[in-house]
Amino acid sequence: QVQLVESGGGLVQPGGSLRLSCAASGSIVGINDMGWYRQAPGKQRDLVAAITSGGRTNYADSVKGRFTISRDNAKNTVYLTMNSLKPEDTAVYYCNADIFSMGSRWYINYWGQGTQVTVSS
């Protein structure tokens, strides 16, 4: 059974920083794209940042220059470093990954349970 477990959310003041982590576990053969999405109350879930297995990255315009996505393939972990946080960054952040596990025929898309990030003074 494959799982994505996020950590690192919390309450931070505007201008502050947080680092989110998401570790994939289970009988993993390989991981393709990994990414972070967020969903604010009453809004749809949107892509924040994504990274390919080769390290190519993609960011939402609203976070470019402030957020950095990275991954450690040996640890099956993806990170999101968030700087210069703004109140509008407040949301539940979800980890997402395409994972090929033992017994599966191809990559399956998985979601984490989400971690709350609140930016407020």
PDB file of N, CA and C in Angstrom:
ATOM      1  N   GLN A   1       0.852  -1.191   0.000  1.00  0.00           N
ATOM      2  CA  GLN A   1       0.000   0.000   0.000  1.00  0.00           C
ATOM      3  C   GLN A   1       0.893   1.248   0.000  1.00  0.00           C
ATOM      4  N   VAL A   2       0.713   2.074  -1.013  1.00  0.00           N
ATOM      5  CA  VAL A   2       1.504   3.297  -1.117  1.00  0.00           C
ATOM      6  C   VAL A   2       0.834   4.422  -0.341  1.00  0.00           C
ATOM      7  N   GLN A   3       1.625   5.188   0.365  1.00  0.00           N
ATOM      8  CA  GLN A   3       1.121   6.347   1.108  1.00  0.00           C
ATOM      9  C   GLN A   3       2.008   7.554   0.870  1.00  0.00           C
ATOM     10  N   LEU A   4       1.385   8.731   0.877  1.00  0.00           N
ATOM     11  CA  LEU A   4       2.100   9.999   0.875  1.00  0.00           C
ATOM     12  C   LEU A   4       1.780  10.687   2.192  1.00  0.00           C
ATOM     13  N   VAL A   5       2.809  11.022   2.949  1.00  0.00           N
ATOM     14  CA  VAL A   5       2.604  11.647   4.253  1.00  0.00           C
ATOM     15  C   VAL A   5       3.293  13.001   4.273  1.00  0.00           C
ATOM     16  N   GLU A   6       2.487  14.055   4.464  1.00  0.00           N
ATOM     17  CA  GLU A   6       3.014  15.422   4.489  1.00  0.00           C
ATOM     18  C   GLU A   6       3.318  15.846   5.914  1.00  0.00           C
ATOM     19  N   SER A   7       4.220  16.793   6.036  1.00  0.00           N
ATOM     20  CA  SER A   7       4.528  17.408   7.323  1.00  0.00           C
ATOM     21  C   SER A   7       5.079  18.805   7.083  1.00  0.00           C
ATOM     22  N   GLY A   8       5.079  19.616   8.149  1.00  0.00           N
ATOM     23  CA  GLY A   8       5.702  20.925   8.067  1.00  0.00           C
ATOM     24  C   GLY A   8       4.765  22.108   8.014  1.00  0.00           C
ATOM     25  N   GLY A   9       3.467  21.863   7.963  1.00  0.00           N
ATOM     26  CA  GLY A   9       2.532  22.985   7.939  1.00  0.00           C
ATOM     27  C   GLY A   9       2.449  23.654   9.303  1.00  0.00           C
ATOM     28  N   GLY A  10       1.710  24.759   9.347  1.00  0.00           N
ATOM     29  CA  GLY A  10       1.545  25.462  10.603  1.00  0.00           C
ATOM     30  C   GLY A  10       1.143  26.905  10.406  1.00  0.00           C
ATOM     31  N   LEU A  11       1.257  27.659  11.488  1.00  0.00           N
ATOM     32  CA  LEU A  11       0.922  29.083  11.491  1.00  0.00           C
ATOM     33  C   LEU A  11       2.196  29.907  11.399  1.00  0.00           C
ATOM     34  N   VAL A  12       2.206  30.870  10.480  1.00  0.00           N
ATOM     35  CA  VAL A  12       3.384  31.714  10.296  1.00  0.00           C
ATOM     36  C   VAL A  12       2.930  33.140  10.020  1.00  0.00           C
ATOM     37  N   GLN A  13       3.729  34.092  10.408  1.00  0.00           N
ATOM     38  CA  GLN A  13       3.396  35.496  10.168  1.00  0.00           C
ATOM     39  C   GLN A  13       3.707  35.873   8.709  1.00  0.00           C
ATOM     40  N   PRO A  14       3.038  36.875   8.200  1.00  0.00           N
ATOM     41  CA  PRO A  14       3.359  37.350   6.841  1.00  0.00           C
ATOM     42  C   PRO A  14       4.840  37.691   6.724  1.00  0.00           C
ATOM     43  N   GLY A  15       5.428  37.278   5.607  1.00  0.00           N
ATOM     44  CA  GLY A  15       6.853  37.475   5.412  1.00  0.00           C
ATOM     45  C   GLY A  15       7.714  36.327   5.903  1.00  0.00           C
ATOM     46  N   GLY A  16       7.107  35.408   6.615  1.00  0.00           N
ATOM     47  CA  GLY A  16       7.830  34.281   7.173  1.00  0.00           C
ATOM     48  C   GLY A  16       8.035  33.150   6.180  1.00  0.00           C
ATOM     49  N   SER A  17       8.612  32.064   6.685  1.00  0.00           N
ATOM     50  CA  SER A  17       8.945  30.915   5.847  1.00  0.00           C
ATOM     51  C   SER A  17       8.479  29.618   6.486  1.00  0.00           C
ATOM     52  N   LEU A  18       8.207  28.650   5.630  1.00  0.00           N
ATOM     53  CA  LEU A  18       7.897  27.287   6.055  1.00  0.00           C
ATOM     54  C   LEU A  18       8.478  26.324   5.032  1.00  0.00           C
ATOM     55  N   ARG A  19       8.745  25.109   5.492  1.00  0.00           N
ATOM     56  CA  ARG A  19       9.188  24.068   4.583  1.00  0.00           C
ATOM     57  C   ARG A  19       8.295  22.852   4.763  1.00  0.00           C
ATOM     58  N   LEU A  20       7.619  22.473   3.691  1.00  0.00           N
ATOM     59  CA  LEU A  20       6.779  21.284   3.699  1.00  0.00           C
ATOM     60  C   LEU A  20       7.560  20.092   3.171  1.00  0.00           C
ATOM     61  N   SER A  21       7.273  18.920   3.739  1.00  0.00           N
ATOM     62  CA  SER A  21       7.874  17.683   3.274  1.00  0.00           C
ATOM     63  C   SER A  21       6.772  16.678   2.966  1.00  0.00           C
ATOM     64  N   CYS A  22       7.043  15.810   2.014  1.00  0.00           N
ATOM     65  CA  CYS A  22       6.098  14.749   1.671  1.00  0.00           C
ATOM     66  C   CYS A  22       6.897  13.499   1.345  1.00  0.00           C
ATOM     67  N   ALA A  23       6.721  12.476   2.172  1.00  0.00           N
ATOM     68  CA  ALA A  23       7.455  11.231   1.984  1.00  0.00           C
ATOM     69  C   ALA A  23       6.526  10.145   1.461  1.00  0.00           C
ATOM     70  N   ALA A  24       6.947   9.491   0.411  1.00  0.00           N
ATOM     71  CA  ALA A  24       6.197   8.366  -0.146  1.00  0.00           C
ATOM     72  C   ALA A  24       6.740   7.072   0.436  1.00  0.00           C
ATOM     73  N   SER A  25       5.824   6.182   0.820  1.00  0.00           N
ATOM     74  CA  SER A  25       6.242   4.911   1.390  1.00  0.00           C
ATOM     75  C   SER A  25       5.411   3.778   0.800  1.00  0.00           C
ATOM     76  N   GLY A  26       5.921   2.562   0.955  1.00  0.00           N
ATOM     77  CA  GLY A  26       5.242   1.392   0.408  1.00  0.00           C
ATOM     78  C   GLY A  26       6.178   0.648  -0.522  1.00  0.00           C
ATOM     79  N   SER A  27       5.609  -0.253  -1.304  1.00  0.00           N
ATOM     80  CA  SER A  27       6.409  -1.064  -2.218  1.00  0.00           C
ATOM     81  C   SER A  27       6.609  -0.315  -3.532  1.00  0.00           C
ATOM     82  N   ILE A  28       7.440   0.715  -3.461  1.00  0.00           N
ATOM     83  CA  ILE A  28       7.629   1.631  -4.577  1.00  0.00           C
ATOM     84  C   ILE A  28       8.736   1.153  -5.508  1.00  0.00           C
ATOM     85  N   VAL A  29       8.394   1.103  -6.793  1.00  0.00           N
ATOM     86  CA  VAL A  29       9.381   0.745  -7.810  1.00  0.00           C
ATOM     87  C   VAL A  29       9.981   2.015  -8.409  1.00  0.00           C
ATOM     88  N   GLY A  30       9.134   3.004  -8.649  1.00  0.00           N
ATOM     89  CA  GLY A  30       9.614   4.258  -9.219  1.00  0.00           C
ATOM     90  C   GLY A  30       8.598   5.370  -9.034  1.00  0.00           C
ATOM     91  N   ILE A  31       9.074   6.619  -9.034  1.00  0.00           N
ATOM     92  CA  ILE A  31       8.215   7.794  -8.908  1.00  0.00           C
ATOM     93  C   ILE A  31       8.507   8.726 -10.069  1.00  0.00           C
ATOM     94  N   ASN A  32       7.445   9.152 -10.742  1.00  0.00           N
ATOM     95  CA  ASN A  32       7.611  10.054 -11.868  1.00  0.00           C
ATOM     96  C   ASN A  32       7.437  11.493 -11.365  1.00  0.00           C
ATOM     97  N   ASP A  33       6.463  12.211 -11.860  1.00  0.00           N
ATOM     98  CA  ASP A  33       6.250  13.589 -11.411  1.00  0.00           C
ATOM     99  C   ASP A  33       5.761  13.643  -9.971  1.00  0.00           C
ATOM    100  N   MET A  34       6.218  14.660  -9.243  1.00  0.00           N
ATOM    101  CA  MET A  34       5.734  14.955  -7.896  1.00  0.00           C
ATOM    102  C   MET A  34       5.351  16.427  -7.859  1.00  0.00           C
ATOM    103  N   GLY A  35       4.398  16.735  -6.991  1.00  0.00           N
ATOM    104  CA  GLY A  35       3.972  18.127  -6.945  1.00  0.00           C
ATOM    105  C   GLY A  35       3.227  18.490  -5.682  1.00  0.00           C
ATOM    106  N   TRP A  36       2.986  19.794  -5.565  1.00  0.00           N
ATOM    107  CA  TRP A  36       2.210  20.339  -4.454  1.00  0.00           C
ATOM    108  C   TRP A  36       1.036  21.126  -5.013  1.00  0.00           C
ATOM    109  N   TYR A  37      -0.124  20.899  -4.426  1.00  0.00           N
ATOM    110  CA  TYR A  37      -1.329  21.640  -4.756  1.00  0.00           C
ATOM    111  C   TYR A  37      -1.822  22.305  -3.471  1.00  0.00           C
ATOM    112  N   ARG A  38      -2.697  23.283  -3.636  1.00  0.00           N
ATOM    113  CA  ARG A  38      -3.311  23.881  -2.453  1.00  0.00           C
ATOM    114  C   ARG A  38      -4.766  24.213  -2.720  1.00  0.00           C
ATOM    115  N   GLN A  39      -5.521  24.207  -1.613  1.00  0.00           N
ATOM    116  CA  GLN A  39      -6.946  24.496  -1.706  1.00  0.00           C
ATOM    117  C   GLN A  39      -7.355  25.378  -0.542  1.00  0.00           C
ATOM    118  N   ALA A  40      -7.807  26.578  -0.863  1.00  0.00           N
ATOM    119  CA  ALA A  40      -8.315  27.498   0.141  1.00  0.00           C
ATOM    120  C   ALA A  40      -9.815  27.259   0.303  1.00  0.00           C
ATOM    121  N   PRO A  41     -10.397  27.655   1.430  1.00  0.00           N
ATOM    122  CA  PRO A  41     -11.832  27.442   1.657  1.00  0.00           C
ATOM    123  C   PRO A  41     -12.677  28.048   0.539  1.00  0.00           C
ATOM    124  N   GLY A  42     -13.572  27.240  -0.002  1.00  0.00           N
ATOM    125  CA  GLY A  42     -14.464  27.716  -1.048  1.00  0.00           C
ATOM    126  C   GLY A  42     -13.851  27.815  -2.421  1.00  0.00           C
ATOM    127  N   LYS A  43     -12.618  27.366  -2.565  1.00  0.00           N
ATOM    128  CA  LYS A  43     -11.938  27.470  -3.856  1.00  0.00           C
ATOM    129  C   LYS A  43     -11.514  26.099  -4.339  1.00  0.00           C
ATOM    130  N   GLN A  44     -11.169  26.010  -5.621  1.00  0.00           N
ATOM    131  CA  GLN A  44     -10.738  24.736  -6.170  1.00  0.00           C
ATOM    132  C   GLN A  44      -9.288  24.464  -5.790  1.00  0.00           C
ATOM    133  N   ARG A  45      -8.902  23.217  -5.964  1.00  0.00           N
ATOM    134  CA  ARG A  45      -7.526  22.820  -5.692  1.00  0.00           C
ATOM    135  C   ARG A  45      -6.669  23.174  -6.908  1.00  0.00           C
ATOM    136  N   ASP A  46      -5.615  23.920  -6.663  1.00  0.00           N
ATOM    137  CA  ASP A  46      -4.761  24.399  -7.753  1.00  0.00           C
ATOM    138  C   ASP A  46      -3.317  23.933  -7.589  1.00  0.00           C
ATOM    139  N   LEU A  47      -2.643  23.781  -8.709  1.00  0.00           N
ATOM    140  CA  LEU A  47      -1.231  23.437  -8.691  1.00  0.00           C
ATOM    141  C   LEU A  47      -0.408  24.596  -8.160  1.00  0.00           C
ATOM    142  N   VAL A  48       0.513  24.275  -7.253  1.00  0.00           N
ATOM    143  CA  VAL A  48       1.459  25.260  -6.737  1.00  0.00           C
ATOM    144  C   VAL A  48       2.804  25.096  -7.433  1.00  0.00           C
ATOM    145  N   ALA A  49       3.304  23.860  -7.427  1.00  0.00           N
ATOM    146  CA  ALA A  49       4.607  23.582  -8.042  1.00  0.00           C
ATOM    147  C   ALA A  49       4.697  22.101  -8.344  1.00  0.00           C
ATOM    148  N   ALA A  50       5.488  21.771  -9.365  1.00  0.00           N
ATOM    149  CA  ALA A  50       5.684  20.383  -9.740  1.00  0.00           C
ATOM    150  C   ALA A  50       7.139  20.176 -10.137  1.00  0.00           C
ATOM    151  N   ILE A  51       7.577  18.911 -10.018  1.00  0.00           N
ATOM    152  CA  ILE A  51       8.960  18.585 -10.374  1.00  0.00           C
ATOM    153  C   ILE A  51       8.985  17.197 -10.995  1.00  0.00           C
ATOM    154  N   THR A  52       9.711  17.068 -12.100  1.00  0.00           N
ATOM    155  CA  THR A  52       9.819  15.768 -12.758  1.00  0.00           C
ATOM    156  C   THR A  52      10.902  14.931 -12.084  1.00  0.00           C
ATOM    157  N   SER A  53      10.986  13.672 -12.477  1.00  0.00           N
ATOM    158  CA  SER A  53      12.008  12.793 -11.917  1.00  0.00           C
ATOM    159  C   SER A  53      13.408  13.292 -12.261  1.00  0.00           C
ATOM    160  N   GLY A  54      13.511  14.035 -13.346  1.00  0.00           N
ATOM    161  CA  GLY A  54      14.803  14.588 -13.750  1.00  0.00           C
ATOM    162  C   GLY A  54      15.116  15.941 -13.166  1.00  0.00           C
ATOM    163  N   GLY A  55      14.180  16.494 -12.387  1.00  0.00           N
ATOM    164  CA  GLY A  55      14.431  17.754 -11.707  1.00  0.00           C
ATOM    165  C   GLY A  55      13.887  18.993 -12.392  1.00  0.00           C
ATOM    166  N   ARG A  56      13.151  18.826 -13.481  1.00  0.00           N
ATOM    167  CA  ARG A  56      12.557  19.989 -14.137  1.00  0.00           C
ATOM    168  C   ARG A  56      11.389  20.480 -13.306  1.00  0.00           C
ATOM    169  N   THR A  57      11.290  21.796 -13.118  1.00  0.00           N
ATOM    170  CA  THR A  57      10.276  22.356 -12.228  1.00  0.00           C
ATOM    171  C   THR A  57       9.296  23.259 -12.969  1.00  0.00           C
ATOM    172  N   ASN A  58       8.128  23.423 -12.345  1.00  0.00           N
ATOM    173  CA  ASN A  58       7.082  24.270 -12.886  1.00  0.00           C
ATOM    174  C   ASN A  58       6.364  24.910 -11.707  1.00  0.00           C
ATOM    175  N   TYR A  59       6.069  26.220 -11.798  1.00  0.00           N
ATOM    176  CA  TYR A  59       5.454  26.939 -10.682  1.00  0.00           C
ATOM    177  C   TYR A  59       4.237  27.730 -11.132  1.00  0.00           C
ATOM    178  N   ALA A  60       3.299  27.874 -10.221  1.00  0.00           N
ATOM    179  CA  ALA A  60       2.203  28.809 -10.444  1.00  0.00           C
ATOM    180  C   ALA A  60       2.773  30.221 -10.424  1.00  0.00           C
ATOM    181  N   ASP A  61       2.209  31.101 -11.233  1.00  0.00           N
ATOM    182  CA  ASP A  61       2.722  32.468 -11.304  1.00  0.00           C
ATOM    183  C   ASP A  61       2.711  33.154  -9.937  1.00  0.00           C
ATOM    184  N   SER A  62       1.731  32.834  -9.124  1.00  0.00           N
ATOM    185  CA  SER A  62       1.569  33.512  -7.838  1.00  0.00           C
ATOM    186  C   SER A  62       2.674  33.189  -6.838  1.00  0.00           C
ATOM    187  N   VAL A  63       3.441  32.123  -7.083  1.00  0.00           N
ATOM    188  CA  VAL A  63       4.476  31.723  -6.122  1.00  0.00           C
ATOM    189  C   VAL A  63       5.889  31.798  -6.700  1.00  0.00           C
ATOM    190  N   LYS A  64       6.002  32.141  -7.975  1.00  0.00           N
ATOM    191  CA  LYS A  64       7.329  32.218  -8.601  1.00  0.00           C
ATOM    192  C   LYS A  64       8.211  33.223  -7.869  1.00  0.00           C
ATOM    193  N   GLY A  65       9.437  32.807  -7.600  1.00  0.00           N
ATOM    194  CA  GLY A  65      10.373  33.668  -6.900  1.00  0.00           C
ATOM    195  C   GLY A  65      10.275  33.583  -5.389  1.00  0.00           C
ATOM    196  N   ARG A  66       9.219  32.955  -4.890  1.00  0.00           N
ATOM    197  CA  ARG A  66       9.043  32.827  -3.430  1.00  0.00           C
ATOM    198  C   ARG A  66       9.107  31.380  -2.955  1.00  0.00           C
ATOM    199  N   PHE A  67       8.595  30.463  -3.766  1.00  0.00           N
ATOM    200  CA  PHE A  67       8.557  29.051  -3.391  1.00  0.00           C
ATOM    201  C   PHE A  67       9.562  28.271  -4.230  1.00  0.00           C
ATOM    202  N   THR A  68      10.112  27.214  -3.625  1.00  0.00           N
ATOM    203  CA  THR A  68      11.033  26.330  -4.336  1.00  0.00           C
ATOM    204  C   THR A  68      10.650  24.883  -4.064  1.00  0.00           C
ATOM    205  N   ILE A  69      10.473  24.124  -5.132  1.00  0.00           N
ATOM    206  CA  ILE A  69      10.193  22.704  -4.999  1.00  0.00           C
ATOM    207  C   ILE A  69      11.476  21.930  -5.269  1.00  0.00           C
ATOM    208  N   SER A  70      11.686  20.868  -4.494  1.00  0.00           N
ATOM    209  CA  SER A  70      12.861  20.021  -4.681  1.00  0.00           C
ATOM    210  C   SER A  70      12.485  18.600  -4.285  1.00  0.00           C
ATOM    211  N   ARG A  71      13.342  17.646  -4.624  1.00  0.00           N
ATOM    212  CA  ARG A  71      13.062  16.255  -4.267  1.00  0.00           C
ATOM    213  C   ARG A  71      14.354  15.519  -3.992  1.00  0.00           C
ATOM    214  N   ASP A  72      14.204  14.503  -3.154  1.00  0.00           N
ATOM    215  CA  ASP A  72      15.307  13.595  -2.850  1.00  0.00           C
ATOM    216  C   ASP A  72      14.852  12.216  -3.312  1.00  0.00           C
ATOM    217  N   ASN A  73      15.328  11.791  -4.461  1.00  0.00           N
ATOM    218  CA  ASN A  73      14.856  10.529  -5.030  1.00  0.00           C
ATOM    219  C   ASN A  73      15.253   9.328  -4.184  1.00  0.00           C
ATOM    220  N   ALA A  74      16.358   9.412  -3.507  1.00  0.00           N
ATOM    221  CA  ALA A  74      16.788   8.297  -2.659  1.00  0.00           C
ATOM    222  C   ALA A  74      15.848   8.114  -1.470  1.00  0.00           C
ATOM    223  N   LYS A  75      15.207   9.206  -1.041  1.00  0.00           N
ATOM    224  CA  LYS A  75      14.297   9.157   0.102  1.00  0.00           C
ATOM    225  C   LYS A  75      12.830   9.172  -0.328  1.00  0.00           C
ATOM    226  N   ASN A  76      12.581   9.195  -1.631  1.00  0.00           N
ATOM    227  CA  ASN A  76      11.196   9.261  -2.138  1.00  0.00           C
ATOM    228  C   ASN A  76      10.438  10.427  -1.502  1.00  0.00           C
ATOM    229  N   THR A  77      11.094  11.559  -1.417  1.00  0.00           N
ATOM    230  CA  THR A  77      10.539  12.706  -0.707  1.00  0.00           C
ATOM    231  C   THR A  77      10.590  13.962  -1.577  1.00  0.00           C
ATOM    232  N   VAL A  78       9.532  14.746  -1.483  1.00  0.00           N
ATOM    233  CA  VAL A  78       9.478  16.035  -2.173  1.00  0.00           C
ATOM    234  C   VAL A  78       9.296  17.122  -1.125  1.00  0.00           C
ATOM    235  N   TYR A  79       9.903  18.269  -1.387  1.00  0.00           N
ATOM    236  CA  TYR A  79       9.867  19.388  -0.454  1.00  0.00           C
ATOM    237  C   TYR A  79       9.295  20.626  -1.129  1.00  0.00           C
ATOM    238  N   LEU A  80       8.723  21.496  -0.311  1.00  0.00           N
ATOM    239  CA  LEU A  80       8.296  22.803  -0.803  1.00  0.00           C
ATOM    240  C   LEU A  80       8.781  23.836   0.208  1.00  0.00           C
ATOM    241  N   THR A  81       9.761  24.627  -0.194  1.00  0.00           N
ATOM    242  CA  THR A  81      10.269  25.694   0.652  1.00  0.00           C
ATOM    243  C   THR A  81       9.534  26.974   0.278  1.00  0.00           C
ATOM    244  N   MET A  82       8.869  27.556   1.269  1.00  0.00           N
ATOM    245  CA  MET A  82       8.023  28.719   1.027  1.00  0.00           C
ATOM    246  C   MET A  82       8.583  29.917   1.783  1.00  0.00           C
ATOM    247  N   ASN A  83       8.958  30.940   1.052  1.00  0.00           N
ATOM    248  CA  ASN A  83       9.480  32.179   1.634  1.00  0.00           C
ATOM    249  C   ASN A  83       8.553  33.345   1.330  1.00  0.00           C
ATOM    250  N   SER A  84       8.733  34.424   2.059  1.00  0.00           N
ATOM    251  CA  SER A  84       7.931  35.643   1.857  1.00  0.00           C
ATOM    252  C   SER A  84       6.444  35.316   1.800  1.00  0.00           C
ATOM    253  N   LEU A  85       5.996  34.549   2.754  1.00  0.00           N
ATOM    254  CA  LEU A  85       4.608  34.094   2.755  1.00  0.00           C
ATOM    255  C   LEU A  85       3.636  35.255   2.925  1.00  0.00           C
ATOM    256  N   LYS A  86       2.498  35.124   2.258  1.00  0.00           N
ATOM    257  CA  LYS A  86       1.451  36.135   2.291  1.00  0.00           C
ATOM    258  C   LYS A  86       0.171  35.518   2.822  1.00  0.00           C
ATOM    259  N   PRO A  87      -0.734  36.323   3.350  1.00  0.00           N
ATOM    260  CA  PRO A  87      -2.019  35.778   3.832  1.00  0.00           C
ATOM    261  C   PRO A  87      -2.758  34.985   2.754  1.00  0.00           C
ATOM    262  N   GLU A  88      -2.630  35.378   1.512  1.00  0.00           N
ATOM    263  CA  GLU A  88      -3.319  34.660   0.435  1.00  0.00           C
ATOM    264  C   GLU A  88      -2.700  33.289   0.139  1.00  0.00           C
ATOM    265  N   ASP A  89      -1.588  32.962   0.765  1.00  0.00           N
ATOM    266  CA  ASP A  89      -1.026  31.620   0.648  1.00  0.00           C
ATOM    267  C   ASP A  89      -1.699  30.643   1.613  1.00  0.00           C
ATOM    268  N   THR A  90      -2.552  31.151   2.474  1.00  0.00           N
ATOM    269  CA  THR A  90      -3.265  30.302   3.424  1.00  0.00           C
ATOM    270  C   THR A  90      -4.136  29.292   2.702  1.00  0.00           C
ATOM    271  N   ALA A  91      -3.927  28.013   3.011  1.00  0.00           N
ATOM    272  CA  ALA A  91      -4.657  26.934   2.344  1.00  0.00           C
ATOM    273  C   ALA A  91      -4.234  25.599   2.950  1.00  0.00           C
ATOM    274  N   VAL A  92      -4.947  24.558   2.553  1.00  0.00           N
ATOM    275  CA  VAL A  92      -4.477  23.202   2.811  1.00  0.00           C
ATOM    276  C   VAL A  92      -3.600  22.801   1.629  1.00  0.00           C
ATOM    277  N   TYR A  93      -2.398  22.364   1.920  1.00  0.00           N
ATOM    278  CA  TYR A  93      -1.445  21.984   0.885  1.00  0.00           C
ATOM    279  C   TYR A  93      -1.404  20.457   0.773  1.00  0.00           C
ATOM    280  N   TYR A  94      -1.541  19.979  -0.461  1.00  0.00           N
ATOM    281  CA  TYR A  94      -1.582  18.554  -0.729  1.00  0.00           C
ATOM    282  C   TYR A  94      -0.389  18.133  -1.599  1.00  0.00           C
ATOM    283  N   CYS A  95       0.176  17.017  -1.234  1.00  0.00           N
ATOM    284  CA  CYS A  95       1.240  16.399  -2.016  1.00  0.00           C
ATOM    285  C   CYS A  95       0.605  15.467  -3.055  1.00  0.00           C
ATOM    286  N   ASN A  96       1.226  15.384  -4.212  1.00  0.00           N
ATOM    287  CA  ASN A  96       0.721  14.535  -5.286  1.00  0.00           C
ATOM    288  C   ASN A  96       1.905  13.881  -5.992  1.00  0.00           C
ATOM    289  N   ALA A  97       1.728  12.611  -6.380  1.00  0.00           N
ATOM    290  CA  ALA A  97       2.825  11.928  -7.062  1.00  0.00           C
ATOM    291  C   ALA A  97       2.309  10.795  -7.932  1.00  0.00           C
ATOM    292  N   ASP A  98       3.003  10.547  -9.021  1.00  0.00           N
ATOM    293  CA  ASP A  98       2.741   9.403  -9.894  1.00  0.00           C
ATOM    294  C   ASP A  98       3.724   8.305  -9.519  1.00  0.00           C
ATOM    295  N   ILE A  99       3.187   7.203  -9.002  1.00  0.00           N
ATOM    296  CA  ILE A  99       4.020   6.164  -8.408  1.00  0.00           C
ATOM    297  C   ILE A  99       3.751   4.814  -9.055  1.00  0.00           C
ATOM    298  N   PHE A 100       4.829   4.117  -9.341  1.00  0.00           N
ATOM    299  CA  PHE A 100       4.766   2.760  -9.867  1.00  0.00           C
ATOM    300  C   PHE A 100       5.153   1.835  -8.711  1.00  0.00           C
ATOM    301  N   SER A 101       4.212   1.024  -8.282  1.00  0.00           N
ATOM    302  CA  SER A 101       4.468   0.164  -7.130  1.00  0.00           C
ATOM    303  C   SER A 101       4.422  -1.294  -7.539  1.00  0.00           C
ATOM    304  N   MET A 102       4.907  -2.134  -6.644  1.00  0.00           N
ATOM    305  CA  MET A 102       4.901  -3.576  -6.876  1.00  0.00           C
ATOM    306  C   MET A 102       3.465  -4.049  -7.086  1.00  0.00           C
ATOM    307  N   GLY A 103       3.246  -4.820  -8.105  1.00  0.00           N
ATOM    308  CA  GLY A 103       1.922  -5.349  -8.376  1.00  0.00           C
ATOM    309  C   GLY A 103       1.078  -4.486  -9.291  1.00  0.00           C
ATOM    310  N   SER A 104       1.471  -3.247  -9.521  1.00  0.00           N
ATOM    311  CA  SER A 104       0.701  -2.393 -10.425  1.00  0.00           C
ATOM    312  C   SER A 104       1.231  -2.544 -11.847  1.00  0.00           C
ATOM    313  N   ARG A 105       0.409  -2.166 -12.813  1.00  0.00           N
ATOM    314  CA  ARG A 105       0.815  -2.317 -14.211  1.00  0.00           C
ATOM    315  C   ARG A 105       1.430  -1.041 -14.754  1.00  0.00           C
ATOM    316  N   TRP A 106       1.128   0.070 -14.115  1.00  0.00           N
ATOM    317  CA  TRP A 106       1.669   1.352 -14.564  1.00  0.00           C
ATOM    318  C   TRP A 106       1.638   2.334 -13.411  1.00  0.00           C
ATOM    319  N   TYR A 107       2.034   3.568 -13.656  1.00  0.00           N
ATOM    320  CA  TYR A 107       2.042   4.599 -12.636  1.00  0.00           C
ATOM    321  C   TYR A 107       0.606   4.938 -12.232  1.00  0.00           C
ATOM    322  N   ILE A 108       0.406   5.116 -10.927  1.00  0.00           N
ATOM    323  CA  ILE A 108      -0.886   5.524 -10.371  1.00  0.00           C
ATOM    324  C   ILE A 108      -0.687   6.850  -9.660  1.00  0.00           C
ATOM    325  N   ASN A 109      -1.676   7.720  -9.773  1.00  0.00           N
ATOM    326  CA  ASN A 109      -1.605   9.023  -9.128  1.00  0.00           C
ATOM    327  C   ASN A 109      -2.110   8.948  -7.694  1.00  0.00           C
ATOM    328  N   TYR A 110      -1.292   9.434  -6.753  1.00  0.00           N
ATOM    329  CA  TYR A 110      -1.643   9.398  -5.335  1.00  0.00           C
ATOM    330  C   TYR A 110      -1.668  10.807  -4.752  1.00  0.00           C
ATOM    331  N   TRP A 111      -2.499  10.959  -3.705  1.00  0.00           N
ATOM    332  CA  TRP A 111      -2.598  12.215  -2.966  1.00  0.00           C
ATOM    333  C   TRP A 111      -2.267  11.992  -1.500  1.00  0.00           C
ATOM    334  N   GLY A 112      -1.638  12.999  -0.883  1.00  0.00           N
ATOM    335  CA  GLY A 112      -1.469  12.992   0.549  1.00  0.00           C
ATOM    336  C   GLY A 112      -2.730  13.473   1.241  1.00  0.00           C
ATOM    337  N   GLN A 113      -2.702  13.479   2.569  1.00  0.00           N
ATOM    338  CA  GLN A 113      -3.890  13.838   3.340  1.00  0.00           C
ATOM    339  C   GLN A 113      -4.045  15.350   3.512  1.00  0.00           C
ATOM    340  N   GLY A 114      -3.007  16.091   3.193  1.00  0.00           N
ATOM    341  CA  GLY A 114      -3.048  17.544   3.287  1.00  0.00           C
ATOM    342  C   GLY A 114      -2.477  18.058   4.599  1.00  0.00           C
ATOM    343  N   THR A 115      -1.888  19.243   4.523  1.00  0.00           N
ATOM    344  CA  THR A 115      -1.362  19.903   5.720  1.00  0.00           C
ATOM    345  C   THR A 115      -1.743  21.383   5.648  1.00  0.00           C
ATOM    346  N   GLN A 116      -2.217  21.904   6.771  1.00  0.00           N
ATOM    347  CA  GLN A 116      -2.716  23.277   6.799  1.00  0.00           C
ATOM    348  C   GLN A 116      -1.562  24.270   6.919  1.00  0.00           C
ATOM    349  N   VAL A 117      -1.599  25.285   6.083  1.00  0.00           N
ATOM    350  CA  VAL A 117      -0.675  26.411   6.181  1.00  0.00           C
ATOM    351  C   VAL A 117      -1.514  27.668   6.380  1.00  0.00           C
ATOM    352  N   THR A 118      -1.256  28.367   7.475  1.00  0.00           N
ATOM    353  CA  THR A 118      -1.979  29.597   7.776  1.00  0.00           C
ATOM    354  C   THR A 118      -0.985  30.739   7.917  1.00  0.00           C
ATOM    355  N   VAL A 119      -1.197  31.788   7.136  1.00  0.00           N
ATOM    356  CA  VAL A 119      -0.327  32.964   7.178  1.00  0.00           C
ATOM    357  C   VAL A 119      -1.147  34.110   7.755  1.00  0.00           C
ATOM    358  N   SER A 120      -0.802  34.500   8.976  1.00  0.00           N
ATOM    359  CA  SER A 120      -1.589  35.514   9.661  1.00  0.00           C
ATOM    360  C   SER A 120      -0.754  36.168  10.752  1.00  0.00           C
ATOM    361  N   SER A 121      -1.041  37.434  10.993  1.00  0.00           N
ATOM    362  CA  SER A 121      -0.367  38.126  12.088  1.00  0.00           C
ATOM    363  C   SER A 121      -1.201  38.068  13.354  1.00  0.00           C
TER     364      SER A 121
END
